[in-house]
Amino acid sequence: MSEAAQTLEGWYCLHDFRSVDWSAWKTLTSDERQAAIHEFLAIVEKWQATEDKKEGSHAIYTVVGQKADLMFMILRPTMEELNEIETELNKTKLAEYLIPTYSYVSVVELSNYLPSDGSDPYENPEVRRRLFPILPKTKHICFYPMDKRRQGNDNWYMLSMEERRNLMRAHGMTGRKYAGKVVQIITGSVGFDDYEWGVTLFSDDVLQFKKLVYEMRFDEVSARYGEFGSFFVGNILPKEKVASFLHV
């Protein structure tokens, strides 16, 4: 049996995708729509208060294309808190006009493919910053789930730890070329959702998503062992523009 990678876990993560039922939303009076928006923004203010205390984080983006209209990305210390946030949102008036289209449940993850100096990683400020991140509020976001292939001679889980570590090191070198251009957050979802990892990319230049993902396809770890789900790309929706987005 190959040696399993040991992982470090941080905040739990929910990606929640919704489409707006515009036809139904238009049937409300202007006052009813404003009340629904006000109620929703009150929830966003609670999310912001949590983020200000560094007890979680969130990001709200509009999604380009027909897969969804909105994406909420929520980070919290416990799975229960994610459930409470999802339920609170579902109970709002606005949620009556939001159609769930996709969701992804995971936890911020770092693995042991990179060398360790033997100290407690949770005491390392850089490790803590990566495990408990405040989500960047960049102009654009890209999310996709992925697996490592388990077929025939291309079975990631039959490789030795040394082989996997070397492949991931080379993969990481490609990613470093985009430092300062793209922020990447990896969340683990084995046992939580349909794929093994979720990848969320943040950038002020949307074209960097295409360049990064394309270049990484040529790394052996992706070319031989990568399996990808659907891609979602979107634009930031600041709370100041929520009313404008929902205006009809």
Protein backbone atom coordinates (compact mmCIF):
# COMPACT_ATOMS: atom_id res chain seq x y z
CA MET A 1 0.00 0.00 0.00
CA SER A 2 1.33 3.43 -0.96
CA GLU A 3 1.84 5.95 1.82
CA ALA A 4 -1.11 8.30 2.18
CA ALA A 5 -0.47 12.03 2.22
CA GLN A 6 -0.97 13.64 5.61
CA THR A 7 -3.03 16.81 5.41
CA LEU A 8 -3.53 19.94 7.47
CA GLU A 9 -7.06 21.29 7.63
CA GLY A 10 -8.33 24.80 8.23
CA TRP A 11 -11.74 26.38 7.77
CA TYR A 12 -14.65 24.47 6.26
CA CYS A 13 -15.87 25.80 2.93
CA LEU A 14 -19.18 26.05 1.10
CA HIS A 15 -19.48 27.13 -2.53
CA ASP A 16 -23.20 27.89 -3.05
CA PHE A 17 -24.44 28.64 -6.57
CA ARG A 18 -27.87 30.14 -7.30
CA SER A 19 -29.78 31.34 -10.35
CA VAL A 20 -32.27 34.21 -10.09
CA ASP A 21 -35.87 33.54 -11.11
CA TRP A 22 -36.16 36.90 -12.83
CA SER A 23 -39.74 36.34 -14.01
CA ALA A 24 -40.96 35.66 -10.48
CA TRP A 25 -38.78 38.46 -9.03
CA LYS A 26 -40.46 40.96 -11.38
CA THR A 27 -43.90 40.13 -9.95
CA LEU A 28 -42.98 41.75 -6.62
CA THR A 29 -43.67 45.40 -6.00
CA SER A 30 -40.71 47.75 -5.72
CA ASP A 31 -41.19 47.96 -1.95
CA GLU A 32 -41.27 44.15 -1.62
CA ARG A 33 -38.04 43.85 -3.62
CA GLN A 34 -36.35 46.53 -1.53
CA ALA A 35 -37.40 44.78 1.69
CA ALA A 36 -35.98 41.47 0.39
CA ILE A 37 -32.71 43.15 -0.59
CA HIS A 38 -32.47 44.90 2.79
CA GLU A 39 -32.98 41.58 4.59
CA PHE A 40 -30.28 39.92 2.49
CA LEU A 41 -27.80 42.76 3.03
CA ALA A 42 -28.33 42.46 6.79
CA ILE A 43 -27.07 38.87 6.51
CA VAL A 44 -24.07 40.03 4.47
CA GLU A 45 -23.29 42.54 7.23
CA LYS A 46 -23.21 39.64 9.71
CA TRP A 47 -20.81 37.79 7.42
CA GLN A 48 -18.62 40.90 7.26
CA ALA A 49 -18.60 41.25 11.05
CA THR A 50 -17.37 37.65 11.30
CA GLU A 51 -14.67 38.34 8.74
CA ASP A 52 -13.58 41.50 10.55
CA LYS A 53 -13.01 39.36 13.65
CA LYS A 54 -11.06 36.85 11.51
CA GLU A 55 -13.47 34.08 12.52
CA GLY A 56 -14.35 33.22 8.92
CA SER A 57 -14.54 34.78 5.50
CA HIS A 58 -16.85 35.14 2.51
CA ALA A 59 -16.98 36.26 -1.11
CA ILE A 60 -19.94 37.05 -3.38
CA TYR A 61 -19.60 36.93 -7.16
CA THR A 62 -21.92 37.00 -10.15
CA VAL A 63 -21.39 34.05 -12.49
CA VAL A 64 -20.96 34.47 -16.24
CA GLY A 65 -22.87 31.92 -18.32
CA GLN A 66 -25.96 29.81 -17.72
CA LYS A 67 -24.65 27.61 -14.89
CA ALA A 68 -25.67 30.15 -12.23
CA ASP A 69 -26.16 33.86 -11.56
CA LEU A 70 -24.60 34.10 -8.10
CA MET A 71 -21.84 32.36 -6.20
CA PHE A 72 -21.44 32.58 -2.44
CA MET A 73 -18.16 31.26 -1.05
CA ILE A 74 -18.25 30.89 2.73
CA LEU A 75 -15.46 29.84 5.13
CA ARG A 76 -16.19 28.95 8.76
CA PRO A 77 -14.52 27.01 11.63
CA THR A 78 -17.21 24.29 11.71
CA MET A 79 -19.47 22.42 9.33
CA GLU A 80 -22.41 23.34 11.59
CA GLU A 81 -21.81 27.03 10.97
CA LEU A 82 -21.86 26.48 7.22
CA ASN A 83 -25.18 24.68 7.60
CA GLU A 84 -26.58 27.52 9.72
CA ILE A 85 -25.55 30.12 7.15
CA GLU A 86 -27.07 28.13 4.30
CA THR A 87 -30.31 27.65 6.25
CA GLU A 88 -30.52 31.31 7.23
CA LEU A 89 -30.09 32.32 3.60
CA ASN A 90 -32.73 29.82 2.51
CA LYS A 91 -35.24 31.36 4.92
CA THR A 92 -34.95 34.85 3.45
CA LYS A 93 -37.46 36.40 1.09
CA LEU A 94 -34.81 36.73 -1.58
CA ALA A 95 -34.15 32.97 -1.46
CA GLU A 96 -37.72 32.38 -2.68
CA TYR A 97 -36.48 33.77 -6.00
CA LEU A 98 -33.10 32.03 -6.02
CA ILE A 99 -32.86 28.58 -7.60
CA PRO A 100 -30.03 26.36 -6.25
CA THR A 101 -27.98 25.14 -9.22
CA TYR A 102 -24.82 23.67 -7.66
CA SER A 103 -22.94 23.48 -4.40
CA TYR A 104 -19.60 22.20 -3.19
CA VAL A 105 -18.59 21.26 0.36
CA SER A 106 -14.93 21.03 1.35
CA VAL A 107 -12.27 22.17 3.83
CA VAL A 108 -9.18 24.32 3.28
CA GLU A 109 -6.29 21.88 2.95
CA LEU A 110 -2.51 21.70 2.84
CA SER A 111 -0.73 18.41 2.24
CA ASN A 112 2.64 16.99 3.28
CA TYR A 113 4.08 16.75 -0.23
CA LEU A 114 6.22 19.75 0.66
CA PRO A 115 9.04 19.26 3.20
CA SER A 116 8.52 20.04 6.89
CA ASP A 117 11.07 21.15 9.46
CA GLY A 118 9.40 19.07 12.18
CA SER A 119 7.80 21.99 14.05
CA ASP A 120 4.08 22.27 14.79
CA PRO A 121 2.72 23.55 11.46
CA TYR A 122 -0.31 25.13 13.13
CA GLU A 123 2.06 27.49 14.98
CA ASN A 124 3.57 28.68 11.70
CA PRO A 125 2.07 32.09 10.75
CA GLU A 126 2.35 31.37 7.01
CA VAL A 127 0.63 27.99 7.38
CA ARG A 128 -2.13 29.57 9.47
CA ARG A 129 -2.61 32.30 6.86
CA ARG A 130 -3.14 29.63 4.20
CA LEU A 131 -5.40 27.43 6.33
CA PHE A 132 -7.55 30.28 7.64
CA PRO A 133 -7.51 32.76 4.75
CA ILE A 134 -9.40 36.00 4.39
CA LEU A 135 -10.71 35.63 0.85
CA PRO A 136 -9.33 38.22 -1.56
CA LYS A 137 -11.94 40.53 -3.05
CA THR A 138 -10.46 40.54 -6.54
CA LYS A 139 -12.43 41.48 -9.65
CA HIS A 140 -12.75 37.87 -10.79
CA ILE A 141 -13.07 34.33 -9.47
CA CYS A 142 -12.75 30.86 -11.00
CA PHE A 143 -13.86 27.65 -9.28
CA TYR A 144 -13.58 24.04 -10.40
CA PRO A 145 -13.53 20.63 -8.70
CA MET A 146 -10.98 17.98 -9.62
CA ASP A 147 -9.86 14.39 -9.01
CA LYS A 148 -6.65 12.47 -9.40
CA ARG A 149 -7.06 9.69 -11.99
CA ARG A 150 -7.27 6.07 -10.83
CA GLN A 151 -7.19 4.15 -14.11
CA GLY A 152 -4.80 1.42 -15.23
CA ASN A 153 -1.21 2.62 -15.32
CA ASP A 154 -2.37 6.17 -14.59
CA ASN A 155 -3.37 5.53 -10.99
CA TRP A 156 -2.18 8.40 -8.79
CA TYR A 157 -2.80 6.41 -5.62
CA MET A 158 -0.48 3.60 -6.66
CA LEU A 159 2.52 5.92 -6.99
CA SER A 160 5.07 6.10 -4.20
CA MET A 161 5.16 9.10 -1.89
CA GLU A 162 8.45 10.19 -3.47
CA GLU A 163 6.98 10.10 -6.99
CA ARG A 164 3.90 12.07 -5.91
CA ARG A 165 6.00 14.59 -4.02
CA ASN A 166 8.26 15.20 -7.04
CA LEU A 167 5.30 15.61 -9.38
CA MET A 168 3.57 18.02 -7.03
CA ARG A 169 6.79 20.01 -6.57
CA ALA A 170 7.06 20.49 -10.35
CA HIS A 171 3.37 21.41 -10.44
CA GLY A 172 3.92 23.98 -7.73
CA MET A 173 6.79 25.58 -9.65
CA THR A 174 4.38 26.32 -12.50
CA GLY A 175 1.97 27.93 -10.06
CA ARG A 176 4.70 30.15 -8.63
CA LYS A 177 5.03 31.89 -11.99
CA TYR A 178 1.62 33.43 -11.28
CA ALA A 179 2.47 34.75 -7.82
CA GLY A 180 1.09 38.27 -7.54
CA LYS A 181 -1.31 37.61 -10.42
CA VAL A 182 -3.47 34.76 -9.09
CA VAL A 183 -4.34 33.67 -5.54
CA GLN A 184 -5.17 29.96 -5.28
CA ILE A 185 -7.08 28.29 -2.46
CA ILE A 186 -7.20 24.48 -2.41
CA THR A 187 -9.98 22.80 -0.47
CA GLY A 188 -10.15 19.06 0.18
CA SER A 189 -13.46 17.28 -0.37
CA VAL A 190 -12.73 13.54 -0.05
CA GLY A 191 -15.76 12.18 1.80
CA PHE A 192 -17.50 15.57 1.56
CA ASP A 193 -18.46 15.90 -2.11
CA ASP A 194 -18.29 14.28 -5.56
CA TYR A 195 -14.69 15.22 -6.34
CA GLU A 196 -11.53 15.09 -4.25
CA TRP A 197 -10.54 18.76 -4.30
CA GLY A 198 -11.99 22.14 -5.07
CA VAL A 199 -9.77 24.81 -6.63
CA THR A 200 -10.69 28.48 -6.27
CA LEU A 201 -8.67 31.10 -8.13
CA PHE A 202 -8.82 34.86 -7.54
CA SER A 203 -7.41 37.53 -9.86
CA ASP A 204 -7.95 41.08 -11.07
CA ASP A 205 -7.08 39.86 -14.59
CA VAL A 206 -9.54 37.19 -15.71
CA LEU A 207 -7.24 36.07 -18.53
CA GLN A 208 -4.74 34.77 -15.97
CA PHE A 209 -7.15 31.91 -15.17
CA LYS A 210 -6.91 30.65 -18.73
CA LYS A 211 -3.14 31.04 -18.86
CA LEU A 212 -2.56 29.32 -15.51
CA VAL A 213 -4.89 26.37 -16.09
CA TYR A 214 -3.61 25.88 -19.64
CA GLU A 215 0.05 25.90 -18.62
CA MET A 216 -0.62 23.52 -15.75
CA ARG A 217 -2.24 21.05 -18.16
CA PHE A 218 1.27 20.35 -19.47
CA ASP A 219 2.57 19.32 -16.05
CA GLU A 220 2.64 15.53 -15.81
CA VAL A 221 0.55 15.60 -12.64
CA SER A 222 -2.31 17.15 -14.65
CA ALA A 223 -1.63 15.64 -18.08
CA ARG A 224 -1.61 12.07 -16.76
CA TYR A 225 -3.50 12.22 -13.50
CA GLY A 226 -5.89 15.19 -13.56
CA GLU A 227 -9.68 14.86 -13.94
CA PHE A 228 -11.68 18.09 -13.91
CA GLY A 229 -15.30 18.98 -13.27
CA SER A 230 -17.22 22.06 -14.42
CA PHE A 231 -15.59 25.49 -14.36
CA PHE A 232 -17.39 28.54 -12.95
CA VAL A 233 -16.08 32.04 -13.61
CA GLY A 234 -17.48 35.31 -12.35
CA ASN A 235 -17.17 38.95 -11.35
CA ILE A 236 -17.16 40.44 -7.86
CA LEU A 237 -20.47 41.68 -6.48
CA PRO A 238 -19.78 44.22 -3.71
CA LYS A 239 -22.65 44.75 -1.29
CA GLU A 240 -22.99 48.31 -2.64
CA LYS A 241 -23.97 46.87 -6.04
CA VAL A 242 -26.39 44.15 -4.89
CA ALA A 243 -29.41 46.43 -5.30
CA SER A 244 -28.27 47.43 -8.77
CA PHE A 245 -27.77 43.79 -9.79
CA LEU A 246 -31.29 42.90 -8.60
CA HIS A 247 -32.95 45.98 -10.08
CA VAL A 248 -35.67 45.22 -12.65
